Amino acid sequence: MQLAVPAEAGLTGVRLGGVDVPEDQAAFPLFDSDYRVFTIWTVPDSGLVARLDWEGPDPLTVWLADRSPGVPDVAAALVRARPVTAVPIGGGDATFVFLRRELP
């Protein structure tokens, strides 16, 4: 999962799953340099509590992105429609979900 926070937010603290995240742990893999992006590799099925402290604008708009292996059941017909010679490449079949949230 990735959490993208606008650089203009003026983050003063990030806590993910009860652990303080050092400022140098942000990167820019999915978004341009206008965002600080935090990657969380081991999100439990029960979810993860995130705490953000910032000095910038209210409300703060953040983005969450998640990649799960496979395709949802609703896409099963698409998978069956592949010719026998077709195979997934790269990371294989995956489902991506993007969520925009405004934090008060």
N, C-alpha and C. Protein backbone atom coordinates (compact mmCIF):
# COMPACT_ATOMS: atom_id res chain seq x y z
N MET A 1 0.85 -1.16 0.00
CA MET A 1 0.00 0.00 0.00
C MET A 1 0.90 1.23 0.00
N GLN A 2 0.43 2.26 -0.65
CA GLN A 2 1.17 3.51 -0.64
C GLN A 2 0.25 4.63 -0.18
N LEU A 3 0.81 5.51 0.62
CA LEU A 3 0.12 6.69 1.11
C LEU A 3 0.84 7.89 0.53
N ALA A 4 0.12 8.71 -0.23
CA ALA A 4 0.70 9.88 -0.87
C ALA A 4 0.13 11.14 -0.22
N VAL A 5 1.04 11.99 0.25
CA VAL A 5 0.67 13.22 0.95
C VAL A 5 1.28 14.39 0.18
N PRO A 6 0.49 15.42 -0.12
CA PRO A 6 1.06 16.57 -0.83
C PRO A 6 2.24 17.16 -0.04
N ALA A 7 3.32 17.49 -0.76
CA ALA A 7 4.49 18.08 -0.12
C ALA A 7 4.13 19.37 0.61
N GLU A 8 3.16 20.10 0.08
CA GLU A 8 2.76 21.37 0.68
C GLU A 8 2.05 21.20 2.03
N ALA A 9 1.76 19.95 2.41
CA ALA A 9 1.06 19.72 3.68
C ALA A 9 1.89 20.14 4.88
N GLY A 10 3.21 20.16 4.72
CA GLY A 10 4.06 20.51 5.84
C GLY A 10 4.01 19.48 6.95
N LEU A 11 4.19 18.20 6.56
CA LEU A 11 4.13 17.13 7.56
C LEU A 11 5.12 17.38 8.69
N THR A 12 4.65 17.22 9.91
CA THR A 12 5.53 17.32 11.08
C THR A 12 5.68 15.98 11.77
N GLY A 13 4.86 15.00 11.37
CA GLY A 13 4.98 13.67 11.95
C GLY A 13 4.12 12.67 11.20
N VAL A 14 4.63 11.45 11.08
CA VAL A 14 3.90 10.35 10.45
C VAL A 14 4.07 9.13 11.34
N ARG A 15 2.96 8.50 11.65
CA ARG A 15 2.96 7.29 12.48
C ARG A 15 2.09 6.25 11.78
N LEU A 16 2.66 5.10 11.46
CA LEU A 16 1.95 4.04 10.76
C LEU A 16 1.98 2.78 11.61
N GLY A 17 0.82 2.26 11.94
CA GLY A 17 0.75 1.06 12.75
C GLY A 17 1.42 1.22 14.10
N GLY A 18 1.37 2.42 14.66
CA GLY A 18 1.97 2.67 15.97
C GLY A 18 3.46 2.93 15.95
N VAL A 19 4.05 3.04 14.75
CA VAL A 19 5.49 3.25 14.63
C VAL A 19 5.76 4.59 13.96
N ASP A 20 6.61 5.41 14.59
CA ASP A 20 7.00 6.68 13.98
C ASP A 20 7.81 6.39 12.72
N VAL A 21 7.49 7.12 11.65
CA VAL A 21 8.18 6.94 10.37
C VAL A 21 9.16 8.09 10.19
N PRO A 22 10.46 7.77 10.04
CA PRO A 22 11.44 8.84 9.81
C PRO A 22 11.13 9.62 8.54
N GLU A 23 11.42 10.89 8.56
CA GLU A 23 11.10 11.75 7.42
C GLU A 23 11.75 11.28 6.13
N ASP A 24 12.94 10.68 6.22
CA ASP A 24 13.64 10.27 5.00
C ASP A 24 13.09 8.98 4.38
N GLN A 25 12.00 8.44 4.92
CA GLN A 25 11.41 7.21 4.38
C GLN A 25 10.41 7.47 3.26
N ALA A 26 10.17 8.71 2.92
CA ALA A 26 9.24 9.03 1.83
C ALA A 26 9.97 9.02 0.50
N ALA A 27 9.28 8.53 -0.51
CA ALA A 27 9.83 8.51 -1.87
C ALA A 27 8.74 8.98 -2.83
N PHE A 28 9.02 8.93 -4.12
CA PHE A 28 8.06 9.44 -5.10
C PHE A 28 7.76 8.43 -6.20
N PRO A 29 7.46 7.16 -5.90
CA PRO A 29 7.32 6.18 -6.97
C PRO A 29 6.06 6.28 -7.83
N LEU A 30 4.92 6.64 -7.25
CA LEU A 30 3.69 6.65 -8.05
C LEU A 30 3.26 8.05 -8.46
N PHE A 31 3.80 9.05 -7.82
CA PHE A 31 3.35 10.41 -8.05
C PHE A 31 4.55 11.29 -8.34
N ASP A 32 4.32 12.50 -8.79
CA ASP A 32 5.43 13.40 -9.05
C ASP A 32 5.96 13.97 -7.74
N SER A 33 6.96 14.83 -7.83
CA SER A 33 7.64 15.32 -6.63
C SER A 33 6.77 16.27 -5.80
N ASP A 34 5.54 16.52 -6.21
CA ASP A 34 4.63 17.32 -5.40
C ASP A 34 4.06 16.52 -4.24
N TYR A 35 4.42 15.24 -4.15
CA TYR A 35 3.90 14.37 -3.10
C TYR A 35 5.04 13.67 -2.36
N ARG A 36 4.80 13.40 -1.09
CA ARG A 36 5.65 12.49 -0.31
C ARG A 36 4.89 11.18 -0.26
N VAL A 37 5.54 10.10 -0.66
CA VAL A 37 4.86 8.80 -0.75
C VAL A 37 5.53 7.82 0.22
N PHE A 38 4.69 7.21 1.05
CA PHE A 38 5.14 6.22 2.01
C PHE A 38 4.63 4.86 1.56
N THR A 39 5.52 3.87 1.48
CA THR A 39 5.14 2.52 1.07
C THR A 39 5.09 1.63 2.30
N ILE A 40 3.99 0.93 2.45
CA ILE A 40 3.79 0.01 3.56
C ILE A 40 3.64 -1.38 2.94
N TRP A 41 4.60 -2.26 3.19
CA TRP A 41 4.63 -3.56 2.51
C TRP A 41 3.80 -4.62 3.20
N THR A 42 3.57 -4.51 4.49
CA THR A 42 2.93 -5.60 5.23
C THR A 42 1.69 -5.11 5.95
N VAL A 43 0.68 -4.73 5.21
CA VAL A 43 -0.57 -4.28 5.81
C VAL A 43 -1.40 -5.50 6.19
N PRO A 44 -1.75 -5.61 7.48
CA PRO A 44 -2.57 -6.77 7.87
C PRO A 44 -3.98 -6.67 7.31
N ASP A 45 -4.67 -7.80 7.22
CA ASP A 45 -6.05 -7.82 6.71
C ASP A 45 -6.96 -6.93 7.55
N SER A 46 -6.63 -6.77 8.83
CA SER A 46 -7.45 -5.94 9.72
C SER A 46 -7.26 -4.45 9.48
N GLY A 47 -6.28 -4.08 8.65
CA GLY A 47 -6.04 -2.68 8.35
C GLY A 47 -4.86 -2.11 9.13
N LEU A 48 -4.69 -0.82 9.00
CA LEU A 48 -3.55 -0.13 9.60
C LEU A 48 -3.99 1.26 10.01
N VAL A 49 -3.64 1.65 11.22
CA VAL A 49 -3.96 3.01 11.69
C VAL A 49 -2.80 3.93 11.30
N ALA A 50 -3.15 5.04 10.65
CA ALA A 50 -2.15 6.04 10.28
C ALA A 50 -2.46 7.35 10.99
N ARG A 51 -1.42 7.97 11.51
CA ARG A 51 -1.57 9.30 12.12
C ARG A 51 -0.65 10.25 11.38
N LEU A 52 -1.24 11.34 10.89
CA LEU A 52 -0.47 12.37 10.21
C LEU A 52 -0.62 13.68 10.97
N ASP A 53 0.47 14.34 11.23
CA ASP A 53 0.45 15.68 11.81
C ASP A 53 1.00 16.62 10.75
N TRP A 54 0.30 17.72 10.52
CA TRP A 54 0.74 18.65 9.48
C TRP A 54 0.41 20.08 9.87
N GLU A 55 1.12 20.99 9.21
CA GLU A 55 0.93 22.42 9.45
C GLU A 55 0.31 23.13 8.27
N GLY A 56 0.09 22.43 7.19
CA GLY A 56 -0.41 23.03 5.96
C GLY A 56 -1.92 23.18 5.94
N PRO A 57 -2.48 23.14 4.75
CA PRO A 57 -3.90 23.43 4.54
C PRO A 57 -4.84 22.40 5.18
N ASP A 58 -6.00 22.90 5.60
CA ASP A 58 -7.10 22.05 6.07
C ASP A 58 -8.25 22.22 5.10
N PRO A 59 -8.95 21.20 4.68
CA PRO A 59 -8.60 19.80 4.93
C PRO A 59 -7.41 19.37 4.09
N LEU A 60 -6.78 18.29 4.50
CA LEU A 60 -5.64 17.73 3.78
C LEU A 60 -6.15 16.58 2.92
N THR A 61 -5.86 16.62 1.62
CA THR A 61 -6.25 15.55 0.71
C THR A 61 -5.07 14.60 0.53
N VAL A 62 -5.30 13.32 0.82
CA VAL A 62 -4.27 12.30 0.66
C VAL A 62 -4.79 11.22 -0.28
N TRP A 63 -3.87 10.44 -0.84
CA TRP A 63 -4.22 9.33 -1.72
C TRP A 63 -3.67 8.04 -1.15
N LEU A 64 -4.45 6.98 -1.25
CA LEU A 64 -4.01 5.64 -0.91
C LEU A 64 -4.05 4.80 -2.19
N ALA A 65 -3.03 3.98 -2.38
CA ALA A 65 -2.99 3.08 -3.53
C ALA A 65 -2.64 1.69 -3.02
N ASP A 66 -3.36 0.69 -3.50
CA ASP A 66 -3.08 -0.68 -3.06
C ASP A 66 -3.08 -1.61 -4.26
N ARG A 67 -2.17 -2.57 -4.24
CA ARG A 67 -2.07 -3.58 -5.29
C ARG A 67 -2.25 -4.94 -4.64
N SER A 68 -3.17 -5.72 -5.16
CA SER A 68 -3.39 -7.08 -4.67
C SER A 68 -3.19 -8.05 -5.83
N PRO A 69 -2.61 -9.20 -5.56
CA PRO A 69 -2.42 -10.17 -6.65
C PRO A 69 -3.76 -10.72 -7.12
N GLY A 70 -3.82 -11.06 -8.41
CA GLY A 70 -5.04 -11.65 -8.97
C GLY A 70 -6.03 -10.62 -9.44
N VAL A 71 -7.16 -11.10 -9.89
CA VAL A 71 -8.23 -10.22 -10.36
C VAL A 71 -9.49 -10.55 -9.56
N PRO A 72 -10.38 -9.58 -9.40
CA PRO A 72 -11.61 -9.86 -8.66
C PRO A 72 -12.52 -10.81 -9.44
N ASP A 73 -13.44 -11.45 -8.72
CA ASP A 73 -14.36 -12.41 -9.34
C ASP A 73 -15.11 -11.80 -10.52
N VAL A 74 -15.41 -10.51 -10.43
CA VAL A 74 -16.17 -9.87 -11.51
C VAL A 74 -15.39 -9.88 -12.83
N ALA A 75 -14.08 -10.07 -12.77
CA ALA A 75 -13.26 -10.08 -13.99
C ALA A 75 -12.94 -11.49 -14.47
N ALA A 76 -13.52 -12.49 -13.86
CA ALA A 76 -13.23 -13.88 -14.23
C ALA A 76 -13.50 -14.15 -15.71
N ALA A 77 -14.55 -13.55 -16.25
CA ALA A 77 -14.87 -13.77 -17.67
C ALA A 77 -13.75 -13.24 -18.57
N LEU A 78 -13.11 -12.16 -18.18
CA LEU A 78 -12.00 -11.62 -18.97
C LEU A 78 -10.82 -12.59 -18.97
N VAL A 79 -10.55 -13.17 -17.82
CA VAL A 79 -9.45 -14.13 -17.73
C VAL A 79 -9.77 -15.36 -18.58
N ARG A 80 -11.00 -15.85 -18.52
CA ARG A 80 -11.39 -17.02 -19.33
C ARG A 80 -11.35 -16.73 -20.83
N ALA A 81 -11.52 -15.48 -21.21
CA ALA A 81 -11.55 -15.12 -22.63
C ALA A 81 -10.16 -15.07 -23.25
N ARG A 82 -9.12 -15.16 -22.44
CA ARG A 82 -7.76 -15.13 -22.98
C ARG A 82 -7.52 -16.37 -23.84
N PRO A 83 -6.77 -16.20 -24.91
CA PRO A 83 -6.39 -17.40 -25.68
C PRO A 83 -5.43 -18.25 -24.84
N VAL A 84 -5.31 -19.51 -25.16
CA VAL A 84 -4.45 -20.42 -24.38
C VAL A 84 -2.99 -19.99 -24.41
N THR A 85 -2.62 -19.20 -25.40
CA THR A 85 -1.24 -18.74 -25.51
C THR A 85 -0.95 -17.50 -24.67
N ALA A 86 -1.97 -16.94 -24.07
CA ALA A 86 -1.78 -15.72 -23.28
C ALA A 86 -1.32 -16.05 -21.86
N VAL A 87 -0.36 -15.27 -21.38
CA VAL A 87 0.11 -15.44 -20.01
C VAL A 87 0.33 -14.05 -19.40
N PRO A 88 0.09 -13.90 -18.10
CA PRO A 88 0.39 -12.63 -17.45
C PRO A 88 1.91 -12.38 -17.48
N ILE A 89 2.30 -11.14 -17.56
CA ILE A 89 3.73 -10.80 -17.58
C ILE A 89 4.05 -9.90 -16.40
N GLY A 90 5.31 -9.63 -16.21
CA GLY A 90 5.74 -8.74 -15.13
C GLY A 90 5.34 -9.32 -13.79
N GLY A 91 4.59 -8.55 -13.03
CA GLY A 91 4.15 -8.99 -11.72
C GLY A 91 2.93 -9.89 -11.77
N GLY A 92 2.46 -10.23 -12.96
CA GLY A 92 1.29 -11.09 -13.09
C GLY A 92 0.00 -10.30 -12.99
N ASP A 93 -1.11 -11.04 -12.94
CA ASP A 93 -2.41 -10.38 -12.80
C ASP A 93 -2.46 -9.64 -11.47
N ALA A 94 -3.04 -8.46 -11.49
CA ALA A 94 -3.13 -7.67 -10.26
C ALA A 94 -4.35 -6.77 -10.32
N THR A 95 -4.81 -6.41 -9.13
CA THR A 95 -5.91 -5.47 -8.99
C THR A 95 -5.37 -4.24 -8.26
N PHE A 96 -5.62 -3.07 -8.81
CA PHE A 96 -5.18 -1.82 -8.19
C PHE A 96 -6.40 -1.04 -7.72
N VAL A 97 -6.28 -0.48 -6.54
CA VAL A 97 -7.35 0.35 -5.98
C VAL A 97 -6.73 1.68 -5.55
N PHE A 98 -7.33 2.79 -5.94
CA PHE A 98 -6.89 4.12 -5.55
C PHE A 98 -8.03 4.78 -4.78
N LEU A 99 -7.69 5.44 -3.70
CA LEU A 99 -8.68 6.07 -2.86
C LEU A 99 -8.20 7.46 -2.47
N ARG A 100 -9.06 8.45 -2.67
CA ARG A 100 -8.75 9.83 -2.28
C ARG A 100 -9.54 10.15 -1.02
N ARG A 101 -8.86 10.70 -0.01
CA ARG A 101 -9.53 11.05 1.24
C ARG A 101 -9.14 12.46 1.67
N GLU A 102 -10.11 13.17 2.21
CA GLU A 102 -9.85 14.48 2.79
C GLU A 102 -9.83 14.32 4.31
N LEU A 103 -8.75 14.76 4.93
CA LEU A 103 -8.61 14.68 6.37
C LEU A 103 -8.90 16.05 6.98
N PRO A 104 -9.76 16.09 7.98
CA PRO A 104 -10.11 17.40 8.58
C PRO A 104 -8.97 17.99 9.39
